Amino acid sequence: MRALLVTLGIVAIVLIVLGLVIKAVKWLLILGLIALVASIVLGVVKGRRALR
């Protein structure tokens, strides 16, 4: 599960960097931010479940 979260985080960062490099494509930046937030939320949820 941790590998999936790391992969999601890397994909999110790559999409954000691509979005910043290619300023005309704003959707990449938006999708990257959504993916990053999703990976953080999933990480917190999985982390809390692991602690219980």
Protein backbone atom coordinates (compact mmCIF):
# COMPACT_ATOMS: atom_id res chain seq x y z
CA MET A 1 0.00 0.00 0.00
CA ARG A 2 2.87 2.36 0.78
CA ALA A 3 4.31 1.77 -2.70
CA LEU A 4 1.01 2.85 -4.23
CA LEU A 5 1.00 6.07 -2.18
CA VAL A 6 4.61 6.82 -3.14
CA THR A 7 3.78 6.21 -6.81
CA LEU A 8 0.74 8.52 -6.57
CA GLY A 9 2.88 11.20 -4.96
CA ILE A 10 5.56 10.94 -7.66
CA VAL A 11 2.95 11.09 -10.43
CA ALA A 12 1.38 14.14 -8.78
CA ILE A 13 4.73 15.93 -8.53
CA VAL A 14 5.58 15.12 -12.17
CA LEU A 15 2.19 16.44 -13.32
CA ILE A 16 2.63 19.63 -11.28
CA VAL A 17 6.13 20.22 -12.71
CA LEU A 18 4.87 19.59 -16.25
CA GLY A 19 2.01 21.98 -15.61
CA LEU A 20 4.41 24.69 -14.44
CA VAL A 21 6.77 24.14 -17.38
CA ILE A 22 3.91 24.19 -19.88
CA LYS A 23 1.92 27.14 -18.56
CA ALA A 24 -0.65 26.86 -21.36
CA VAL A 25 -1.82 23.49 -20.02
CA LYS A 26 -3.52 24.38 -16.76
CA TRP A 27 -5.37 21.04 -16.53
CA LEU A 28 -2.12 19.19 -15.79
CA LEU A 29 -1.50 21.44 -12.80
CA ILE A 30 -5.06 20.98 -11.54
CA LEU A 31 -4.94 17.19 -11.99
CA GLY A 32 -1.54 17.07 -10.29
CA LEU A 33 -2.82 18.99 -7.28
CA ILE A 34 -5.89 16.75 -7.06
CA ALA A 35 -3.69 13.63 -7.22
CA LEU A 36 -1.35 15.04 -4.57
CA VAL A 37 -4.23 15.87 -2.21
CA ALA A 38 -5.74 12.43 -2.82
CA SER A 39 -2.45 10.70 -2.01
CA ILE A 40 -2.04 12.73 1.20
CA VAL A 41 -5.62 11.95 2.31
CA LEU A 42 -5.17 8.24 1.53
CA GLY A 43 -1.88 8.24 3.43
CA VAL A 44 -3.49 9.79 6.51
CA VAL A 45 -6.45 7.41 6.40
CA LYS A 46 -4.23 4.32 5.95
CA GLY A 47 -1.89 5.57 8.66
CA ARG A 48 -4.73 5.95 11.17
CA ARG A 49 -6.04 2.49 10.32
CA ALA A 50 -2.57 1.03 10.84
CA LEU A 51 -2.31 2.65 14.27
CA ARG A 52 -5.59 1.11 15.45
